[in-house]
Every structure is written in structure tokens, then in C-alpha cells.
PDB file of N, CA and C in Angstrom:
ATOM      1  N   MET A   1      -0.593 -12.057 -10.296  1.00  0.00           N
ATOM      2  CA  MET A   1      -0.141 -12.698  -9.081  1.00  0.00           C
ATOM      3  C   MET A   1      -1.275 -12.637  -8.052  1.00  0.00           C
ATOM      4  N   TYR A   2      -1.373 -13.717  -7.280  1.00  0.00           N
ATOM      5  CA  TYR A   2      -2.408 -13.755  -6.242  1.00  0.00           C
ATOM      6  C   TYR A   2      -1.987 -12.952  -5.022  1.00  0.00           C
ATOM      7  N   VAL A   3      -2.951 -12.211  -4.488  1.00  0.00           N
ATOM      8  CA  VAL A   3      -2.770 -11.517  -3.221  1.00  0.00           C
ATOM      9  C   VAL A   3      -3.225 -12.453  -2.107  1.00  0.00           C
ATOM     10  N   CYS A   4      -4.306 -13.166  -2.356  1.00  0.00           N
ATOM     11  CA  CYS A   4      -4.871 -14.094  -1.375  1.00  0.00           C
ATOM     12  C   CYS A   4      -5.126 -15.444  -2.040  1.00  0.00           C
ATOM     13  N   ILE A   5      -4.389 -16.440  -1.595  1.00  0.00           N
ATOM     14  CA  ILE A   5      -4.569 -17.787  -2.121  1.00  0.00           C
ATOM     15  C   ILE A   5      -5.879 -18.385  -1.605  1.00  0.00           C
ATOM     16  N   CYS A   6      -6.194 -18.169  -0.328  1.00  0.00           N
ATOM     17  CA  CYS A   6      -7.411 -18.746   0.267  1.00  0.00           C
ATOM     18  C   CYS A   6      -8.668 -18.357  -0.511  1.00  0.00           C
ATOM     19  N   ASN A   7      -8.700 -17.116  -1.023  1.00  0.00           N
ATOM     20  CA  ASN A   7      -9.876 -16.611  -1.730  1.00  0.00           C
ATOM     21  C   ASN A   7      -9.650 -16.440  -3.228  1.00  0.00           C
ATOM     22  N   ALA A   8      -8.478 -16.837  -3.710  1.00  0.00           N
ATOM     23  CA  ALA A   8      -8.134 -16.739  -5.137  1.00  0.00           C
ATOM     24  C   ALA A   8      -8.354 -15.316  -5.664  1.00  0.00           C
ATOM     25  N   VAL A   9      -7.852 -14.331  -4.904  1.00  0.00           N
ATOM     26  CA  VAL A   9      -7.976 -12.926  -5.283  1.00  0.00           C
ATOM     27  C   VAL A   9      -6.623 -12.460  -5.826  1.00  0.00           C
ATOM     28  N   SER A  10      -6.644 -11.944  -7.042  1.00  0.00           N
ATOM     29  CA  SER A  10      -5.412 -11.505  -7.690  1.00  0.00           C
ATOM     30  C   SER A  10      -5.190 -10.007  -7.519  1.00  0.00           C
ATOM     31  N   GLU A  11      -3.996  -9.563  -7.873  1.00  0.00           N
ATOM     32  CA  GLU A  11      -3.705  -8.130  -7.855  1.00  0.00           C
ATOM     33  C   GLU A  11      -4.673  -7.395  -8.782  1.00  0.00           C
ATOM     34  N   ALA A  12      -4.974  -7.985  -9.930  1.00  0.00           N
ATOM     35  CA  ALA A  12      -5.910  -7.359 -10.872  1.00  0.00           C
ATOM     36  C   ALA A  12      -7.287  -7.199 -10.240  1.00  0.00           C
ATOM     37  N   ASP A  13      -7.724  -8.196  -9.465  1.00  0.00           N
ATOM     38  CA  ASP A  13      -9.011  -8.095  -8.768  1.00  0.00           C
ATOM     39  C   ASP A  13      -9.011  -6.906  -7.808  1.00  0.00           C
ATOM     40  N   VAL A  14      -7.905  -6.746  -7.072  1.00  0.00           N
ATOM     41  CA  VAL A  14      -7.801  -5.644  -6.110  1.00  0.00           C
ATOM     42  C   VAL A  14      -7.817  -4.310  -6.854  1.00  0.00           C
ATOM     43  N   HIS A  15      -7.057  -4.214  -7.954  1.00  0.00           N
ATOM     44  CA  HIS A  15      -7.047  -2.977  -8.745  1.00  0.00           C
ATOM     45  C   HIS A  15      -8.446  -2.657  -9.267  1.00  0.00           C
ATOM     46  N   ASP A  16      -9.182  -3.673  -9.692  1.00  0.00           N
ATOM     47  CA  ASP A  16     -10.554  -3.467 -10.165  1.00  0.00           C
ATOM     48  C   ASP A  16     -11.446  -2.926  -9.049  1.00  0.00           C
ATOM     49  N   CYS A  17     -11.300  -3.468  -7.849  1.00  0.00           N
ATOM     50  CA  CYS A  17     -12.093  -3.000  -6.708  1.00  0.00           C
ATOM     51  C   CYS A  17     -11.770  -1.550  -6.376  1.00  0.00           C
ATOM     52  N   VAL A  18     -10.483  -1.205  -6.415  1.00  0.00           N
ATOM     53  CA  VAL A  18     -10.082   0.170  -6.130  1.00  0.00           C
ATOM     54  C   VAL A  18     -10.616   1.103  -7.215  1.00  0.00           C
ATOM     55  N   SER A  19     -10.544   0.669  -8.462  1.00  0.00           N
ATOM     56  CA  SER A  19     -11.081   1.480  -9.561  1.00  0.00           C
ATOM     57  C   SER A  19     -12.580   1.702  -9.418  1.00  0.00           C
ATOM     58  N   ALA A  20     -13.256   0.731  -8.805  1.00  0.00           N
ATOM     59  CA  ALA A  20     -14.697   0.836  -8.598  1.00  0.00           C
ATOM     60  C   ALA A  20     -15.055   1.639  -7.351  1.00  0.00           C
ATOM     61  N   GLY A  21     -14.033   2.102  -6.601  1.00  0.00           N
ATOM     62  CA  GLY A  21     -14.301   2.966  -5.461  1.00  0.00           C
ATOM     63  C   GLY A  21     -13.866   2.456  -4.112  1.00  0.00           C
ATOM     64  N   ALA A  22     -13.464   1.204  -3.997  1.00  0.00           N
ATOM     65  CA  ALA A  22     -13.002   0.685  -2.709  1.00  0.00           C
ATOM     66  C   ALA A  22     -11.655   1.313  -2.372  1.00  0.00           C
ATOM     67  N   SER A  23     -11.463   1.681  -1.111  1.00  0.00           N
ATOM     68  CA  SER A  23     -10.205   2.334  -0.758  1.00  0.00           C
ATOM     69  C   SER A  23      -9.593   1.825   0.540  1.00  0.00           C
ATOM     70  N   THR A  24     -10.248   0.901   1.189  1.00  0.00           N
ATOM     71  CA  THR A  24      -9.715   0.336   2.424  1.00  0.00           C
ATOM     72  C   THR A  24      -9.669  -1.181   2.302  1.00  0.00           C
ATOM     73  N   ILE A  25      -8.941  -1.799   3.214  1.00  0.00           N
ATOM     74  CA  ILE A  25      -8.874  -3.265   3.212  1.00  0.00           C
ATOM     75  C   ILE A  25     -10.273  -3.852   3.346  1.00  0.00           C
ATOM     76  N   ARG A  26     -11.057  -3.337   4.271  1.00  0.00           N
ATOM     77  CA  ARG A  26     -12.410  -3.853   4.493  1.00  0.00           C
ATOM     78  C   ARG A  26     -13.270  -3.702   3.235  1.00  0.00           C
ATOM     79  N   GLN A  27     -13.199  -2.542   2.583  1.00  0.00           N
ATOM     80  CA  GLN A  27     -13.994  -2.315   1.368  1.00  0.00           C
ATOM     81  C   GLN A  27     -13.576  -3.256   0.247  1.00  0.00           C
ATOM     82  N   VAL A  28     -12.270  -3.462   0.089  1.00  0.00           N
ATOM     83  CA  VAL A  28     -11.794  -4.378  -0.959  1.00  0.00           C
ATOM     84  C   VAL A  28     -12.225  -5.807  -0.635  1.00  0.00           C
ATOM     85  N   LYS A  29     -12.079  -6.213   0.609  1.00  0.00           N
ATOM     86  CA  LYS A  29     -12.498  -7.567   0.988  1.00  0.00           C
ATOM     87  C   LYS A  29     -13.985  -7.767   0.724  1.00  0.00           C
ATOM     88  N   ASN A  30     -14.810  -6.784   1.075  1.00  0.00           N
ATOM     89  CA  ASN A  30     -16.249  -6.893   0.814  1.00  0.00           C
ATOM     90  C   ASN A  30     -16.534  -6.943  -0.677  1.00  0.00           C
ATOM     91  N   ALA A  31     -15.866  -6.093  -1.443  1.00  0.00           N
ATOM     92  CA  ALA A  31     -16.108  -6.035  -2.887  1.00  0.00           C
ATOM     93  C   ALA A  31     -15.687  -7.326  -3.585  1.00  0.00           C
ATOM     94  N   CYS A  32     -14.659  -7.983  -3.085  1.00  0.00           N
ATOM     95  CA  CYS A  32     -14.165  -9.228  -3.691  1.00  0.00           C
ATOM     96  C   CYS A  32     -14.870 -10.464  -3.137  1.00  0.00           C
ATOM     97  N   GLY A  33     -15.744 -10.272  -2.162  1.00  0.00           N
ATOM     98  CA  GLY A  33     -16.420 -11.417  -1.558  1.00  0.00           C
ATOM     99  C   GLY A  33     -15.491 -12.259  -0.697  1.00  0.00           C
ATOM    100  N   TRP A  34     -14.529 -11.609  -0.081  1.00  0.00           N
ATOM    101  CA  TRP A  34     -13.506 -12.257   0.729  1.00  0.00           C
ATOM    102  C   TRP A  34     -14.145 -13.001   1.882  1.00  0.00           C
ATOM    103  N   LYS A  35     -13.741 -14.226   2.084  1.00  0.00           N
ATOM    104  CA  LYS A  35     -14.175 -15.025   3.232  1.00  0.00           C
ATOM    105  C   LYS A  35     -12.987 -15.165   4.180  1.00  0.00           C
ATOM    106  N   PRO A  36     -13.228 -15.291   5.475  1.00  0.00           N
ATOM    107  CA  PRO A  36     -12.124 -15.449   6.420  1.00  0.00           C
ATOM    108  C   PRO A  36     -11.248 -16.635   6.039  1.00  0.00           C
ATOM    109  N   GLY A  37      -9.963 -16.423   6.116  1.00  0.00           N
ATOM    110  CA  GLY A  37      -8.993 -17.476   5.812  1.00  0.00           C
ATOM    111  C   GLY A  37      -7.862 -17.402   6.812  1.00  0.00           C
ATOM    112  N   CYS A  38      -6.665 -17.656   6.331  1.00  0.00           N
ATOM    113  CA  CYS A  38      -5.512 -17.692   7.232  1.00  0.00           C
ATOM    114  C   CYS A  38      -5.070 -16.297   7.669  1.00  0.00           C
ATOM    115  N   GLY A  39      -5.378 -15.251   6.891  1.00  0.00           N
ATOM    116  CA  GLY A  39      -5.046 -13.884   7.271  1.00  0.00           C
ATOM    117  C   GLY A  39      -3.657 -13.423   6.889  1.00  0.00           C
ATOM    118  N   SER A  40      -2.852 -14.305   6.326  1.00  0.00           N
ATOM    119  CA  SER A  40      -1.485 -13.925   5.997  1.00  0.00           C
ATOM    120  C   SER A  40      -1.403 -12.938   4.837  1.00  0.00           C
ATOM    121  N   CYS A  41      -2.486 -12.705   4.147  1.00  0.00           N
ATOM    122  CA  CYS A  41      -2.490 -11.821   2.984  1.00  0.00           C
ATOM    123  C   CYS A  41      -2.744 -10.355   3.336  1.00  0.00           C
ATOM    124  N   THR A  42      -3.114 -10.052   4.551  1.00  0.00           N
ATOM    125  CA  THR A  42      -3.563  -8.705   4.901  1.00  0.00           C
ATOM    126  C   THR A  42      -2.508  -7.637   4.624  1.00  0.00           C
ATOM    127  N   SER A  43      -1.262  -7.883   4.976  1.00  0.00           N
ATOM    128  CA  SER A  43      -0.233  -6.872   4.721  1.00  0.00           C
ATOM    129  C   SER A  43       0.019  -6.715   3.230  1.00  0.00           C
ATOM    130  N   ARG A  44      -0.004  -7.818   2.490  1.00  0.00           N
ATOM    131  CA  ARG A  44       0.169  -7.744   1.032  1.00  0.00           C
ATOM    132  C   ARG A  44      -1.017  -7.015   0.408  1.00  0.00           C
ATOM    133  N   LEU A  45      -2.212  -7.254   0.902  1.00  0.00           N
ATOM    134  CA  LEU A  45      -3.398  -6.571   0.407  1.00  0.00           C
ATOM    135  C   LEU A  45      -3.270  -5.068   0.603  1.00  0.00           C
ATOM    136  N   ALA A  46      -2.818  -4.631   1.765  1.00  0.00           N
ATOM    137  CA  ALA A  46      -2.635  -3.200   2.036  1.00  0.00           C
ATOM    138  C   ALA A  46      -1.641  -2.598   1.054  1.00  0.00           C
ATOM    139  N   GLU A  47      -0.572  -3.325   0.765  1.00  0.00           N
ATOM    140  CA  GLU A  47       0.437  -2.853  -0.182  1.00  0.00           C
ATOM    141  C   GLU A  47      -0.149  -2.705  -1.582  1.00  0.00           C
ATOM    142  N   VAL A  48      -0.898  -3.694  -2.036  1.00  0.00           N
ATOM    143  CA  VAL A  48      -1.491  -3.654  -3.375  1.00  0.00           C
ATOM    144  C   VAL A  48      -2.528  -2.541  -3.470  1.00  0.00           C
ATOM    145  N   ILE A  49      -3.322  -2.344  -2.422  1.00  0.00           N
ATOM    146  CA  ILE A  49      -4.298  -1.247  -2.408  1.00  0.00           C
ATOM    147  C   ILE A  49      -3.563   0.088  -2.530  1.00  0.00           C
ATOM    148  N   GLY A  50      -2.466   0.241  -1.800  1.00  0.00           N
ATOM    149  CA  GLY A  50      -1.681   1.471  -1.881  1.00  0.00           C
ATOM    150  C   GLY A  50      -1.176   1.732  -3.285  1.00  0.00           C
ATOM    151  N   HIS A  51      -0.658   0.697  -3.938  1.00  0.00           N
ATOM    152  CA  HIS A  51      -0.179   0.843  -5.317  1.00  0.00           C
ATOM    153  C   HIS A  51      -1.323   1.174  -6.266  1.00  0.00           C
ATOM    154  N   ALA A  52      -2.454   0.516  -6.074  1.00  0.00           N
ATOM    155  CA  ALA A  52      -3.612   0.763  -6.939  1.00  0.00           C
ATOM    156  C   ALA A  52      -4.115   2.196  -6.777  1.00  0.00           C
ATOM    157  N   ARG A  53      -4.159   2.659  -5.523  1.00  0.00           N
ATOM    158  CA  ARG A  53      -4.613   4.034  -5.268  1.00  0.00           C
ATOM    159  C   ARG A  53      -3.630   5.040  -5.856  1.00  0.00           C
ATOM    160  N   ALA A  54      -2.346   4.760  -5.729  1.00  0.00           N
ATOM    161  CA  ALA A  54      -1.325   5.666  -6.261  1.00  0.00           C
ATOM    162  C   ALA A  54      -1.409   5.738  -7.782  1.00  0.00           C
ATOM    163  N   SER A  55      -1.618   4.605  -8.425  1.00  0.00           N
ATOM    164  CA  SER A  55      -1.685   4.596  -9.887  1.00  0.00           C
ATOM    165  C   SER A  55      -2.974   5.238 -10.392  1.00  0.00           C
ATOM    166  N   SER A  56      -3.999   5.292  -9.527  1.00  0.00           N
ATOM    167  CA  SER A  56      -5.247   5.938  -9.929  1.00  0.00           C
ATOM    168  C   SER A  56      -5.278   7.414  -9.536  1.00  0.00           C
ATOM    169  N   GLY A  57      -4.241   7.866  -8.813  1.00  0.00           N
ATOM    170  CA  GLY A  57      -4.171   9.261  -8.391  1.00  0.00           C
ATOM    171  C   GLY A  57      -4.951   9.557  -7.132  1.00  0.00           C
ATOM    172  N   ALA A  58      -5.445   8.528  -6.441  1.00  0.00           N
ATOM    173  CA  ALA A  58      -6.217   8.722  -5.211  1.00  0.00           C
ATOM    174  C   ALA A  58      -5.283   9.001  -4.050  1.00  0.00           C
ATOM    175  N   GLU A  59      -5.779   9.711  -3.066  1.00  0.00           N
ATOM    176  CA  GLU A  59      -5.009  10.007  -1.866  1.00  0.00           C
ATOM    177  C   GLU A  59      -4.930   8.764  -0.995  1.00  0.00           C
ATOM    178  N   PRO A  60      -3.815   8.574  -0.282  1.00  0.00           N
ATOM    179  CA  PRO A  60      -3.708   7.433   0.634  1.00  0.00           C
ATOM    180  C   PRO A  60      -4.763   7.502   1.734  1.00  0.00           C
ATOM    181  N   SER A  61      -5.194   6.342   2.182  1.00  0.00           N
ATOM    182  CA  SER A  61      -6.198   6.254   3.239  1.00  0.00           C
ATOM    183  C   SER A  61      -5.783   5.194   4.238  1.00  0.00           C
ATOM    184  N   ALA A  62      -6.177   5.352   5.466  1.00  0.00           N
ATOM    185  CA  ALA A  62      -5.892   4.337   6.477  1.00  0.00           C
ATOM    186  C   ALA A  62      -6.699   3.083   6.184  1.00  0.00           C
ATOM    187  N   ALA A  63      -6.122   1.943   6.468  1.00  0.00           N
ATOM    188  CA  ALA A  63      -6.798   0.666   6.217  1.00  0.00           C
ATOM    189  C   ALA A  63      -7.874   0.505   7.215  1.00  0.00           C
TER     190      ALA A  63
END
């Protein structure tokens, strides 16, 4: 499922970024090459990052 339609970023892409060490919204956006868009995905992105961090055993971090 897509997290961001504007940038065609999927949940799998976000999980890959988190697995590679990204832990904040800004880090994931940079790692995915995110370009500014409508911004409606930000809350969904935070949710997916939280799930990815939880499944990897990482501690929660502020966005």
C-alpha cells in the first residue's frame, strides 16, 4: 500500500528505510528521495515508521 501517492512511496519502502537506519519522518523522507507534495501523507508516514520501528525492536523516537 502507498504511504505517499505524490512520491509513489510504499509501506515497504518506508520499512526498508527504517531497516537501513532511518528513524524520523525527515530521515525517511530524505532516504526515499521525497519531494514536497500535498503533505497529506505525513501522519500516515509517522504511523508506518512507528510500526516499522516496533517490528524491528527499535525504541520509539519523536518525528
